[in-house]
PDB file of N, CA and C in Angstrom:
ATOM      1  N   MET A   1     173.330 -14.464  19.252  1.00  0.00           N
ATOM      2  CA  MET A   1     172.674 -13.469  20.207  1.00  0.00           C
ATOM      3  C   MET A   1     173.484 -12.268  20.092  1.00  0.00           C
ATOM      4  N   ARG A   2     172.759 -11.109  19.734  1.00  0.00           N
ATOM      5  CA  ARG A   2     173.633  -9.792  19.746  1.00  0.00           C
ATOM      6  C   ARG A   2     173.224  -9.035  20.922  1.00  0.00           C
ATOM      7  N   LEU A   3     174.126  -8.576  21.726  1.00  0.00           N
ATOM      8  CA  LEU A   3     173.981  -7.682  22.871  1.00  0.00           C
ATOM      9  C   LEU A   3     174.561  -6.230  22.524  1.00  0.00           C
ATOM     10  N   ASP A   4     173.691  -5.245  23.240  1.00  0.00           N
ATOM     11  CA  ASP A   4     174.207  -4.006  22.915  1.00  0.00           C
ATOM     12  C   ASP A   4     173.742  -3.140  24.130  1.00  0.00           C
ATOM     13  N   LYS A   5     174.217  -3.510  25.272  1.00  0.00           N
ATOM     14  CA  LYS A   5     173.935  -2.760  26.562  1.00  0.00           C
ATOM     15  C   LYS A   5     174.533  -1.376  26.584  1.00  0.00           C
ATOM     16  N   THR A   6     175.703  -1.174  25.918  1.00  0.00           N
ATOM     17  CA  THR A   6     176.176   0.150  25.960  1.00  0.00           C
ATOM     18  C   THR A   6     175.265   1.022  25.111  1.00  0.00           C
ATOM     19  N   GLY A   7     174.650   0.686  24.056  1.00  0.00           N
ATOM     20  CA  GLY A   7     173.904   1.535  23.299  1.00  0.00           C
ATOM     21  C   GLY A   7     172.446   1.648  24.225  1.00  0.00           C
ATOM     22  N   GLU A   8     172.164   0.676  24.669  1.00  0.00           N
ATOM     23  CA  GLU A   8     170.949   0.811  25.543  1.00  0.00           C
ATOM     24  C   GLU A   8     171.137   1.642  26.510  1.00  0.00           C
ATOM     25  N   LEU A   9     172.072   1.652  27.328  1.00  0.00           N
ATOM     26  CA  LEU A   9     172.484   2.724  28.334  1.00  0.00           C
ATOM     27  C   LEU A   9     172.592   4.052  27.986  1.00  0.00           C
ATOM     28  N   MET A  10     173.099   4.172  26.913  1.00  0.00           N
ATOM     29  CA  MET A  10     173.165   5.562  26.192  1.00  0.00           C
ATOM     30  C   MET A  10     171.785   6.178  25.832  1.00  0.00           C
ATOM     31  N   ARG A  11     171.011   5.247  25.217  1.00  0.00           N
ATOM     32  CA  ARG A  11     169.679   5.620  24.755  1.00  0.00           C
ATOM     33  C   ARG A  11     168.614   5.922  25.922  1.00  0.00           C
ATOM     34  N   ASN A  12     168.819   5.045  26.898  1.00  0.00           N
ATOM     35  CA  ASN A  12     168.018   5.130  27.978  1.00  0.00           C
ATOM     36  C   ASN A  12     168.277   6.429  29.036  1.00  0.00           C
ATOM     37  N   HIS A  13     169.564   6.783  29.043  1.00  0.00           N
ATOM     38  CA  HIS A  13     169.999   7.912  29.810  1.00  0.00           C
ATOM     39  C   HIS A  13     171.026   8.848  29.101  1.00  0.00           C
ATOM     40  N   PRO A  14     170.291   9.512  28.023  1.00  0.00           N
ATOM     41  CA  PRO A  14     171.253  10.374  27.144  1.00  0.00           C
ATOM     42  C   PRO A  14     171.659  11.499  27.877  1.00  0.00           C
ATOM     43  N   LYS A  15     170.955  12.134  28.790  1.00  0.00           N
ATOM     44  CA  LYS A  15     171.548  13.322  29.617  1.00  0.00           C
ATOM     45  C   LYS A  15     172.705  12.881  30.641  1.00  0.00           C
ATOM     46  N   GLY A  16     172.355  11.874  31.287  1.00  0.00           N
ATOM     47  CA  GLY A  16     173.286  11.184  32.176  1.00  0.00           C
ATOM     48  C   GLY A  16     174.505  10.903  31.520  1.00  0.00           C
ATOM     49  N   PHE A  17     174.429  10.168  30.325  1.00  0.00           N
ATOM     50  CA  PHE A  17     175.683   9.865  29.622  1.00  0.00           C
ATOM     51  C   PHE A  17     176.387  11.119  29.129  1.00  0.00           C
ATOM     52  N   LYS A  18     175.750  12.064  28.585  1.00  0.00           N
ATOM     53  CA  LYS A  18     176.431  13.257  28.112  1.00  0.00           C
ATOM     54  C   LYS A  18     176.999  14.176  29.327  1.00  0.00           C
ATOM     55  N   ASP A  19     176.255  14.125  30.533  1.00  0.00           N
ATOM     56  CA  ASP A  19     176.971  14.843  31.658  1.00  0.00           C
ATOM     57  C   ASP A  19     178.088  14.074  32.177  1.00  0.00           C
ATOM     58  N   ALA A  20     178.023  12.845  32.108  1.00  0.00           N
ATOM     59  CA  ALA A  20     179.188  12.041  32.523  1.00  0.00           C
ATOM     60  C   ALA A  20     180.528  12.327  31.734  1.00  0.00           C
ATOM     61  N   VAL A  21     180.188  12.161  30.493  1.00  0.00           N
ATOM     62  CA  VAL A  21     181.285  12.534  29.550  1.00  0.00           C
ATOM     63  C   VAL A  21     181.852  13.854  29.655  1.00  0.00           C
ATOM     64  N   ASN A  22     181.005  14.720  29.792  1.00  0.00           N
ATOM     65  CA  ASN A  22     181.470  16.210  29.784  1.00  0.00           C
ATOM     66  C   ASN A  22     181.860  16.738  31.228  1.00  0.00           C
ATOM     67  N   ALA A  23     181.779  16.019  32.284  1.00  0.00           N
ATOM     68  CA  ALA A  23     182.076  16.498  33.513  1.00  0.00           C
ATOM     69  C   ALA A  23     183.502  16.871  33.587  1.00  0.00           C
ATOM     70  N   SER A  24     184.460  15.981  33.164  1.00  0.00           N
ATOM     71  CA  SER A  24     185.775  16.321  33.141  1.00  0.00           C
ATOM     72  C   SER A  24     186.607  15.396  32.184  1.00  0.00           C
ATOM     73  N   ALA A  25     187.837  15.736  31.960  1.00  0.00           N
ATOM     74  CA  ALA A  25     188.563  14.675  31.136  1.00  0.00           C
ATOM     75  C   ALA A  25     188.723  13.229  31.755  1.00  0.00           C
ATOM     76  N   GLU A  26     188.899  13.251  33.158  1.00  0.00           N
ATOM     77  CA  GLU A  26     188.890  12.059  33.928  1.00  0.00           C
ATOM     78  C   GLU A  26     187.641  11.281  33.814  1.00  0.00           C
ATOM     79  N   SER A  27     186.415  11.990  33.826  1.00  0.00           N
ATOM     80  CA  SER A  27     185.246  11.065  33.718  1.00  0.00           C
ATOM     81  C   SER A  27     184.886  10.809  32.382  1.00  0.00           C
ATOM     82  N   GLU A  28     185.392  11.424  31.261  1.00  0.00           N
ATOM     83  CA  GLU A  28     185.221  10.997  29.903  1.00  0.00           C
ATOM     84  C   GLU A  28     186.082   9.703  29.756  1.00  0.00           C
ATOM     85  N   LYS A  29     187.315   9.757  30.239  1.00  0.00           N
ATOM     86  CA  LYS A  29     188.121   8.479  30.005  1.00  0.00           C
ATOM     87  C   LYS A  29     187.394   7.332  30.876  1.00  0.00           C
ATOM     88  N   PHE A  30     186.946   7.726  32.044  1.00  0.00           N
ATOM     89  CA  PHE A  30     186.291   6.546  32.750  1.00  0.00           C
ATOM     90  C   PHE A  30     185.114   5.998  32.028  1.00  0.00           C
ATOM     91  N   VAL A  31     184.303   6.822  31.475  1.00  0.00           N
ATOM     92  CA  VAL A  31     183.057   6.500  30.786  1.00  0.00           C
ATOM     93  C   VAL A  31     183.642   5.638  29.569  1.00  0.00           C
ATOM     94  N   ARG A  32     184.528   6.046  28.651  1.00  0.00           N
ATOM     95  CA  ARG A  32     185.136   5.327  27.637  1.00  0.00           C
ATOM     96  C   ARG A  32     185.562   3.888  28.057  1.00  0.00           C
ATOM     97  N   ASP A  33     186.488   3.862  29.022  1.00  0.00           N
ATOM     98  CA  ASP A  33     187.001   2.575  29.571  1.00  0.00           C
ATOM     99  C   ASP A  33     185.798   1.637  29.915  1.00  0.00           C
ATOM    100  N   ALA A  34     184.920   2.204  30.761  1.00  0.00           N
ATOM    101  CA  ALA A  34     183.844   1.383  31.215  1.00  0.00           C
ATOM    102  C   ALA A  34     182.964   0.735  30.098  1.00  0.00           C
ATOM    103  N   LEU A  35     182.726   1.597  29.048  1.00  0.00           N
ATOM    104  CA  LEU A  35     181.875   1.111  27.868  1.00  0.00           C
ATOM    105  C   LEU A  35     182.745   0.161  27.051  1.00  0.00           C
ATOM    106  N   LYS A  36     184.047   0.288  27.046  1.00  0.00           N
ATOM    107  CA  LYS A  36     184.994  -0.591  26.329  1.00  0.00           C
ATOM    108  C   LYS A  36     184.789  -2.009  27.156  1.00  0.00           C
ATOM    109  N   VAL A  37     185.044  -2.027  28.369  1.00  0.00           N
ATOM    110  CA  VAL A  37     184.825  -3.142  29.164  1.00  0.00           C
ATOM    111  C   VAL A  37     183.557  -4.038  28.794  1.00  0.00           C
ATOM    112  N   ILE A  38     182.461  -3.250  28.832  1.00  0.00           N
ATOM    113  CA  ILE A  38     181.135  -3.747  28.660  1.00  0.00           C
ATOM    114  C   ILE A  38     181.024  -4.456  27.121  1.00  0.00           C
ATOM    115  N   ILE A  39     181.596  -3.627  26.148  1.00  0.00           N
ATOM    116  CA  ILE A  39     181.621  -4.109  24.885  1.00  0.00           C
ATOM    117  C   ILE A  39     182.473  -5.401  24.706  1.00  0.00           C
ATOM    118  N   ASP A  40     183.611  -5.397  25.322  1.00  0.00           N
ATOM    119  CA  ASP A  40     184.527  -6.784  25.260  1.00  0.00           C
ATOM    120  C   ASP A  40     183.778  -7.827  25.877  1.00  0.00           C
ATOM    121  N   LEU A  41     183.211  -7.589  27.051  1.00  0.00           N
ATOM    122  CA  LEU A  41     182.427  -8.762  27.586  1.00  0.00           C
ATOM    123  C   LEU A  41     181.222  -9.228  26.802  1.00  0.00           C
ATOM    124  N   GLU A  42     180.466  -8.403  26.315  1.00  0.00           N
ATOM    125  CA  GLU A  42     179.337  -8.763  25.328  1.00  0.00           C
ATOM    126  C   GLU A  42     180.024  -9.523  24.275  1.00  0.00           C
ATOM    127  N   ALA A  43     181.130  -9.228  23.765  1.00  0.00           N
ATOM    128  CA  ALA A  43     181.696  -9.932  22.523  1.00  0.00           C
ATOM    129  C   ALA A  43     182.112 -11.356  22.929  1.00  0.00           C
ATOM    130  N   LYS A  44     182.689 -11.595  24.110  1.00  0.00           N
ATOM    131  CA  LYS A  44     182.889 -12.818  24.600  1.00  0.00           C
ATOM    132  C   LYS A  44     181.696 -13.657  24.693  1.00  0.00           C
ATOM    133  N   LEU A  45     180.648 -12.975  25.319  1.00  0.00           N
ATOM    134  CA  LEU A  45     179.220 -13.861  25.471  1.00  0.00           C
ATOM    135  C   LEU A  45     178.714 -14.108  24.294  1.00  0.00           C
ATOM    136  N   GLU A  46     178.933 -13.366  23.147  1.00  0.00           N
ATOM    137  CA  GLU A  46     178.237 -13.484  21.810  1.00  0.00           C
ATOM    138  C   GLU A  46     178.957 -14.724  21.170  1.00  0.00           C
ATOM    139  N   ASN A  47     180.146 -14.795  21.465  1.00  0.00           N
ATOM    140  CA  ASN A  47     181.178 -15.806  20.807  1.00  0.00           C
ATOM    141  C   ASN A  47     181.079 -17.055  21.497  1.00  0.00           C
ATOM    142  N   GLN A  48     180.279 -17.309  22.505  1.00  0.00           N
ATOM    143  CA  GLN A  48     180.277 -18.549  23.289  1.00  0.00           C
ATOM    144  C   GLN A  48     179.415 -19.537  22.480  1.00  0.00           C
TER     145      GLN A  48
END
């Protein structure tokens, strides 16, 4: 099973994603960290 919720979120909400990343340096870091958490959790689920 291959999960790609980060890609799905970015495809479904491109303006919201771009706005969140560009709002400030702190929001960019938050978005990157949040997406990394999702990717890491997806990898754990895929490897079960």
